[in-house]
Amino acid sequence: MLTQIRRIPWISLGLLLIAHVALGWFLLEPGSLVDPSFAKVAWVGILVFDLIVVGTLTASPNTYRAKLVRWTSSNEGRLFSVILLALSIATFLVLVRLFGYVLIISLSLSLARLDMLAAGFKDFPVLMVLLLVSTLGFSLGWQAHRWLRPPLSYPYSYPRQSGPARSNSLPPTPGSSPEQLPDNNPSSKSE
């Protein structure tokens, strides 16, 4: 047990943790892409992204090469590849900061996976450890941002501005003037 703990690449896992903490912090920034009410969607998205990256790193290069040759040999595959490349470039230009986080997380996942495989761990435990560290880092960043930032820094946390005083009257119907509507406001009735 002690030898397995010594074999764990702590530096790589620490970098992965820090990258996910930074992403969790970034996603709660005011003006960011994610509203805190969509927290579950962000969690699922990050886990799916991590699964895709680690899963693609697990497959052998021969599998990639065969699929790439088969994919680019058809017209539909070339068209889809060009569309995907154009979409990726447009996303990069619009969301440069988010693209940076995605790139850093992809590289840190790759480094941690390679270090763990070089230390002698099997694929499935590596996948579980990487997902655990990623989820822990993302939740730490998310919670640290929620607890360490002042509450007035969020535009969505301001109390609702009260609008004009509402009366209990019915809304005007199209074509009718407000003078023709009955006044149901109890404060304006005289006794």
C-alpha atoms as a PDB file:
ATOM      1  CA  MET A   1       0.000   0.000   0.000  1.00  0.00           C
ATOM      2  CA  LEU A   2       2.766   2.417   0.919  1.00  0.00           C
ATOM      3  CA  THR A   3       4.671   1.665  -2.276  1.00  0.00           C
ATOM      4  CA  GLN A   4       1.567   2.427  -4.359  1.00  0.00           C
ATOM      5  CA  ILE A   5       1.161   5.774  -2.612  1.00  0.00           C
ATOM      6  CA  ARG A   6       4.795   6.593  -3.300  1.00  0.00           C
ATOM      7  CA  ARG A   7       4.319   5.738  -6.987  1.00  0.00           C
ATOM      8  CA  ILE A   8       1.470   8.244  -7.432  1.00  0.00           C
ATOM      9  CA  PRO A   9       2.644  11.246  -9.496  1.00  0.00           C
ATOM     10  CA  TRP A  10       1.633  13.949  -7.035  1.00  0.00           C
ATOM     11  CA  ILE A  11       2.959  16.845  -9.114  1.00  0.00           C
ATOM     12  CA  SER A  12       0.928  15.905 -12.186  1.00  0.00           C
ATOM     13  CA  LEU A  13      -2.202  15.354 -10.132  1.00  0.00           C
ATOM     14  CA  GLY A  14      -1.579  18.664  -8.350  1.00  0.00           C
ATOM     15  CA  LEU A  15      -1.362  20.465 -11.690  1.00  0.00           C
ATOM     16  CA  LEU A  16      -4.598  18.791 -12.766  1.00  0.00           C
ATOM     17  CA  LEU A  17      -6.251  19.861  -9.517  1.00  0.00           C
ATOM     18  CA  ILE A  18      -5.077  23.463  -9.914  1.00  0.00           C
ATOM     19  CA  ALA A  19      -6.296  23.588 -13.525  1.00  0.00           C
ATOM     20  CA  HIS A  20      -9.763  22.421 -12.503  1.00  0.00           C
ATOM     21  CA  VAL A  21      -9.837  24.827  -9.536  1.00  0.00           C
ATOM     22  CA  ALA A  22      -9.091  27.674 -11.949  1.00  0.00           C
ATOM     23  CA  LEU A  23     -11.860  26.522 -14.302  1.00  0.00           C
ATOM     24  CA  GLY A  24     -14.352  26.245 -11.442  1.00  0.00           C
ATOM     25  CA  TRP A  25     -13.437  29.758 -10.318  1.00  0.00           C
ATOM     26  CA  PHE A  26     -13.671  31.143 -13.862  1.00  0.00           C
ATOM     27  CA  LEU A  27     -17.100  29.689 -14.567  1.00  0.00           C
ATOM     28  CA  LEU A  28     -18.635  31.596 -11.632  1.00  0.00           C
ATOM     29  CA  GLU A  29     -17.171  34.962 -12.608  1.00  0.00           C
ATOM     30  CA  PRO A  30     -19.767  37.617 -13.419  1.00  0.00           C
ATOM     31  CA  GLY A  31     -20.228  37.740 -17.164  1.00  0.00           C
ATOM     32  CA  SER A  32     -18.979  34.187 -17.544  1.00  0.00           C
ATOM     33  CA  LEU A  33     -20.680  31.572 -19.664  1.00  0.00           C
ATOM     34  CA  VAL A  34     -22.391  29.730 -16.824  1.00  0.00           C
ATOM     35  CA  ASP A  35     -25.158  31.088 -14.646  1.00  0.00           C
ATOM     36  CA  PRO A  36     -24.999  29.479 -11.181  1.00  0.00           C
ATOM     37  CA  SER A  37     -28.533  28.183 -11.653  1.00  0.00           C
ATOM     38  CA  PHE A  38     -27.095  25.888 -14.358  1.00  0.00           C
ATOM     39  CA  ALA A  39     -24.488  24.393 -12.036  1.00  0.00           C
ATOM     40  CA  LYS A  40     -25.548  20.800 -12.692  1.00  0.00           C
ATOM     41  CA  VAL A  41     -25.153  21.281 -16.428  1.00  0.00           C
ATOM     42  CA  ALA A  42     -21.637  22.645 -15.907  1.00  0.00           C
ATOM     43  CA  TRP A  43     -20.742  19.691 -13.671  1.00  0.00           C
ATOM     44  CA  VAL A  44     -21.964  17.168 -16.203  1.00  0.00           C
ATOM     45  CA  GLY A  45     -20.224  19.047 -19.024  1.00  0.00           C
ATOM     46  CA  ILE A  46     -16.874  19.024 -17.228  1.00  0.00           C
ATOM     47  CA  LEU A  47     -17.166  15.322 -16.383  1.00  0.00           C
ATOM     48  CA  VAL A  48     -18.112  14.432 -19.960  1.00  0.00           C
ATOM     49  CA  PHE A  49     -15.218  16.515 -21.283  1.00  0.00           C
ATOM     50  CA  ASP A  50     -12.796  14.768 -18.926  1.00  0.00           C
ATOM     51  CA  LEU A  51     -14.162  11.358 -19.925  1.00  0.00           C
ATOM     52  CA  ILE A  52     -13.741  12.184 -23.615  1.00  0.00           C
ATOM     53  CA  VAL A  53     -10.172  13.417 -23.185  1.00  0.00           C
ATOM     54  CA  VAL A  54      -9.088  10.481 -21.030  1.00  0.00           C
ATOM     55  CA  GLY A  55     -10.955   8.025 -23.286  1.00  0.00           C
ATOM     56  CA  THR A  56      -9.256   9.327 -26.404  1.00  0.00           C
ATOM     57  CA  LEU A  57      -5.899   9.106 -24.682  1.00  0.00           C
ATOM     58  CA  THR A  58      -6.590   5.490 -23.754  1.00  0.00           C
ATOM     59  CA  ALA A  59      -7.205   4.265 -27.311  1.00  0.00           C
ATOM     60  CA  SER A  60      -4.225   3.063 -29.298  1.00  0.00           C
ATOM     61  CA  PRO A  61      -2.725   5.238 -32.070  1.00  0.00           C
ATOM     62  CA  ASN A  62      -3.415   2.537 -34.681  1.00  0.00           C
ATOM     63  CA  THR A  63      -7.118   2.858 -33.964  1.00  0.00           C
ATOM     64  CA  TYR A  64      -6.918   6.611 -34.512  1.00  0.00           C
ATOM     65  CA  ARG A  65      -4.959   6.236 -37.728  1.00  0.00           C
ATOM     66  CA  ALA A  66      -7.413   3.737 -39.225  1.00  0.00           C
ATOM     67  CA  LYS A  67     -10.429   5.859 -38.280  1.00  0.00           C
ATOM     68  CA  LEU A  68      -8.810   9.043 -39.578  1.00  0.00           C
ATOM     69  CA  VAL A  69      -8.001   7.459 -42.944  1.00  0.00           C
ATOM     70  CA  ARG A  70     -11.510   6.045 -43.231  1.00  0.00           C
ATOM     71  CA  TRP A  71     -13.034   9.370 -42.134  1.00  0.00           C
ATOM     72  CA  THR A  72     -11.122  11.575 -44.570  1.00  0.00           C
ATOM     73  CA  SER A  73     -11.535   9.234 -47.529  1.00  0.00           C
ATOM     74  CA  SER A  74     -15.234  10.086 -47.867  1.00  0.00           C
ATOM     75  CA  ASN A  75     -16.656  13.427 -49.007  1.00  0.00           C
ATOM     76  CA  GLU A  76     -18.954  13.636 -46.004  1.00  0.00           C
ATOM     77  CA  GLY A  77     -16.046  13.119 -43.650  1.00  0.00           C
ATOM     78  CA  ARG A  78     -14.028  15.876 -45.304  1.00  0.00           C
ATOM     79  CA  LEU A  79     -16.993  18.250 -45.210  1.00  0.00           C
ATOM     80  CA  PHE A  80     -17.661  17.518 -41.555  1.00  0.00           C
ATOM     81  CA  SER A  81     -13.956  17.950 -40.751  1.00  0.00           C
ATOM     82  CA  VAL A  82     -13.871  21.368 -42.437  1.00  0.00           C
ATOM     83  CA  ILE A  83     -17.045  22.447 -40.644  1.00  0.00           C
ATOM     84  CA  LEU A  84     -15.670  21.226 -37.307  1.00  0.00           C
ATOM     85  CA  LEU A  85     -12.384  23.036 -37.913  1.00  0.00           C
ATOM     86  CA  ALA A  86     -14.192  26.270 -38.811  1.00  0.00           C
ATOM     87  CA  LEU A  87     -16.387  25.982 -35.728  1.00  0.00           C
ATOM     88  CA  SER A  88     -13.332  25.375 -33.569  1.00  0.00           C
ATOM     89  CA  ILE A  89     -11.553  28.426 -34.963  1.00  0.00           C
ATOM     90  CA  ALA A  90     -14.635  30.609 -34.468  1.00  0.00           C
ATOM     91  CA  THR A  91     -15.021  29.334 -30.906  1.00  0.00           C
ATOM     92  CA  PHE A  92     -11.358  30.013 -30.257  1.00  0.00           C
ATOM     93  CA  LEU A  93     -11.633  33.584 -31.516  1.00  0.00           C
ATOM     94  CA  VAL A  94     -14.772  34.336 -29.520  1.00  0.00           C
ATOM     95  CA  LEU A  95     -13.948  32.470 -26.327  1.00  0.00           C
ATOM     96  CA  VAL A  96     -10.179  32.764 -26.078  1.00  0.00           C
ATOM     97  CA  ARG A  97     -10.110  32.591 -22.292  1.00  0.00           C
ATOM     98  CA  LEU A  98     -12.305  29.490 -22.106  1.00  0.00           C
ATOM     99  CA  PHE A  99     -10.253  27.872 -24.872  1.00  0.00           C
ATOM    100  CA  GLY A 100      -7.147  28.468 -22.773  1.00  0.00           C
ATOM    101  CA  TYR A 101      -8.706  26.677 -19.823  1.00  0.00           C
ATOM    102  CA  VAL A 102      -9.769  23.774 -22.046  1.00  0.00           C
ATOM    103  CA  LEU A 103      -6.243  23.512 -23.474  1.00  0.00           C
ATOM    104  CA  ILE A 104      -4.612  23.595 -20.029  1.00  0.00           C
ATOM    105  CA  ILE A 105      -6.988  20.956 -18.684  1.00  0.00           C
ATOM    106  CA  SER A 106      -6.428  18.718 -21.717  1.00  0.00           C
ATOM    107  CA  LEU A 107      -2.652  18.969 -21.314  1.00  0.00           C
ATOM    108  CA  SER A 108      -2.741  18.397 -17.560  1.00  0.00           C
ATOM    109  CA  LEU A 109      -5.023  15.365 -18.028  1.00  0.00           C
ATOM    110  CA  SER A 110      -2.596  13.993 -20.609  1.00  0.00           C
ATOM    111  CA  LEU A 111       0.406  14.538 -18.338  1.00  0.00           C
ATOM    112  CA  ALA A 112      -1.266  12.989 -15.305  1.00  0.00           C
ATOM    113  CA  ARG A 113      -2.450   9.968 -17.305  1.00  0.00           C
ATOM    114  CA  LEU A 114       0.983   9.349 -18.822  1.00  0.00           C
ATOM    115  CA  ASP A 115       2.693   9.704 -15.427  1.00  0.00           C
ATOM    116  CA  MET A 116       0.253   7.290 -13.799  1.00  0.00           C
ATOM    117  CA  LEU A 117       0.653   4.737 -16.594  1.00  0.00           C
ATOM    118  CA  ALA A 118       4.441   5.079 -16.353  1.00  0.00           C
ATOM    119  CA  ALA A 119       4.139   4.421 -12.609  1.00  0.00           C
ATOM    120  CA  GLY A 120       2.509   1.070 -13.380  1.00  0.00           C
ATOM    121  CA  PHE A 121      -1.194   1.746 -12.820  1.00  0.00           C
ATOM    122  CA  LYS A 122      -3.855   0.123 -15.023  1.00  0.00           C
ATOM    123  CA  ASP A 123      -6.227   2.057 -17.302  1.00  0.00           C
ATOM    124  CA  PHE A 124      -9.397   1.845 -15.206  1.00  0.00           C
ATOM    125  CA  PRO A 125      -7.850   3.008 -11.892  1.00  0.00           C
ATOM    126  CA  VAL A 126      -6.139   5.823 -13.809  1.00  0.00           C
ATOM    127  CA  LEU A 127      -9.486   6.878 -15.257  1.00  0.00           C
ATOM    128  CA  MET A 128     -11.128   6.839 -11.814  1.00  0.00           C
ATOM    129  CA  VAL A 129      -8.313   8.799 -10.158  1.00  0.00           C
ATOM    130  CA  LEU A 130      -8.305  11.422 -12.919  1.00  0.00           C
ATOM    131  CA  LEU A 131     -12.068  11.846 -12.720  1.00  0.00           C
ATOM    132  CA  LEU A 132     -11.915  12.077  -8.927  1.00  0.00           C
ATOM    133  CA  VAL A 133      -9.151  14.698  -8.977  1.00  0.00           C
ATOM    134  CA  SER A 134     -10.946  16.646 -11.728  1.00  0.00           C
ATOM    135  CA  THR A 135     -14.250  16.654  -9.877  1.00  0.00           C
ATOM    136  CA  LEU A 136     -12.568  17.581  -6.606  1.00  0.00           C
ATOM    137  CA  GLY A 137     -10.681  20.460  -8.247  1.00  0.00           C
ATOM    138  CA  PHE A 138     -13.736  21.772 -10.048  1.00  0.00           C
ATOM    139  CA  SER A 139     -15.820  21.670  -6.867  1.00  0.00           C
ATOM    140  CA  LEU A 140     -13.050  23.344  -4.845  1.00  0.00           C
ATOM    141  CA  GLY A 141     -12.819  26.194  -7.361  1.00  0.00           C
ATOM    142  CA  TRP A 142     -16.577  26.546  -7.511  1.00  0.00           C
ATOM    143  CA  GLN A 143     -16.990  26.632  -3.725  1.00  0.00           C
ATOM    144  CA  ALA A 144     -13.957  28.850  -3.144  1.00  0.00           C
ATOM    145  CA  HIS A 145     -15.379  31.403  -5.520  1.00  0.00           C
ATOM    146  CA  ARG A 146     -18.766  31.265  -3.843  1.00  0.00           C
ATOM    147  CA  TRP A 147     -17.350  31.705  -0.339  1.00  0.00           C
ATOM    148  CA  LEU A 148     -14.369  34.004  -0.901  1.00  0.00           C
ATOM    149  CA  ARG A 149     -15.903  36.601  -3.220  1.00  0.00           C
ATOM    150  CA  PRO A 150     -18.017  39.399  -1.788  1.00  0.00           C
ATOM    151  CA  PRO A 151     -21.696  38.727  -2.423  1.00  0.00           C
ATOM    152  CA  LEU A 152     -22.310  42.031  -4.209  1.00  0.00           C
ATOM    153  CA  SER A 153     -19.884  41.135  -6.985  1.00  0.00           C
ATOM    154  CA  TYR A 154     -22.572  39.087  -8.693  1.00  0.00           C
ATOM    155  CA  PRO A 155     -25.050  40.891 -10.889  1.00  0.00           C
ATOM    156  CA  TYR A 156     -27.558  38.112 -10.295  1.00  0.00           C
ATOM    157  CA  SER A 157     -27.400  38.386  -6.497  1.00  0.00           C
ATOM    158  CA  TYR A 158     -28.771  41.916  -6.235  1.00  0.00           C
ATOM    159  CA  PRO A 159     -32.230  42.118  -4.728  1.00  0.00           C
ATOM    160  CA  ARG A 160     -34.961  42.671  -7.230  1.00  0.00           C
ATOM    161  CA  GLN A 161     -35.765  46.269  -7.855  1.00  0.00           C
ATOM    162  CA  SER A 162     -39.310  46.987  -6.956  1.00  0.00           C
ATOM    163  CA  GLY A 163     -41.169  48.386  -9.898  1.00  0.00           C
ATOM    164  CA  PRO A 164     -44.094  50.747  -9.837  1.00  0.00           C
ATOM    165  CA  ALA A 165     -46.671  49.983  -7.208  1.00  0.00           C
ATOM    166  CA  ARG A 166     -49.048  47.395  -8.475  1.00  0.00           C
ATOM    167  CA  SER A 167     -52.716  47.688  -7.963  1.00  0.00           C
ATOM    168  CA  ASN A 168     -55.172  44.880  -7.903  1.00  0.00           C
ATOM    169  CA  SER A 169     -56.850  46.135 -11.032  1.00  0.00           C
ATOM    170  CA  LEU A 170     -57.183  44.060 -14.134  1.00  0.00           C
ATOM    171  CA  PRO A 171     -54.708  44.686 -16.951  1.00  0.00           C
ATOM    172  CA  PRO A 172     -56.038  46.885 -19.722  1.00  0.00           C
ATOM    173  CA  THR A 173     -57.403  45.092 -22.707  1.00  0.00           C
ATOM    174  CA  PRO A 174     -56.389  46.172 -26.191  1.00  0.00           C
ATOM    175  CA  GLY A 175     -58.506  49.078 -27.392  1.00  0.00           C
ATOM    176  CA  SER A 176     -59.695  50.151 -23.939  1.00  0.00           C
ATOM    177  CA  SER A 177     -58.509  53.196 -22.107  1.00  0.00           C
ATOM    178  CA  PRO A 178     -57.523  53.095 -18.420  1.00  0.00           C
ATOM    179  CA  GLU A 179     -60.461  55.369 -17.523  1.00  0.00           C
ATOM    180  CA  GLN A 180     -62.944  52.713 -18.648  1.00  0.00           C
ATOM    181  CA  LEU A 181     -61.498  49.966 -16.411  1.00  0.00           C
ATOM    182  CA  PRO A 182     -62.913  49.340 -12.917  1.00  0.00           C
ATOM    183  CA  ASP A 183     -60.651  50.259 -10.021  1.00  0.00           C
ATOM    184  CA  ASN A 184     -60.226  47.230  -7.767  1.00  0.00           C
ATOM    185  CA  ASN A 185     -57.598  48.799  -5.536  1.00  0.00           C
ATOM    186  CA  PRO A 186     -58.960  48.723  -1.957  1.00  0.00           C
ATOM    187  CA  SER A 187     -56.922  51.773  -0.866  1.00  0.00           C
ATOM    188  CA  SER A 188     -58.544  54.045  -3.440  1.00  0.00           C
ATOM    189  CA  LYS A 189     -62.154  53.210  -2.544  1.00  0.00           C
ATOM    190  CA  SER A 190     -63.909  55.704  -0.375  1.00  0.00           C
ATOM    191  CA  GLU A 191     -66.232  54.530   2.331  1.00  0.00           C
END
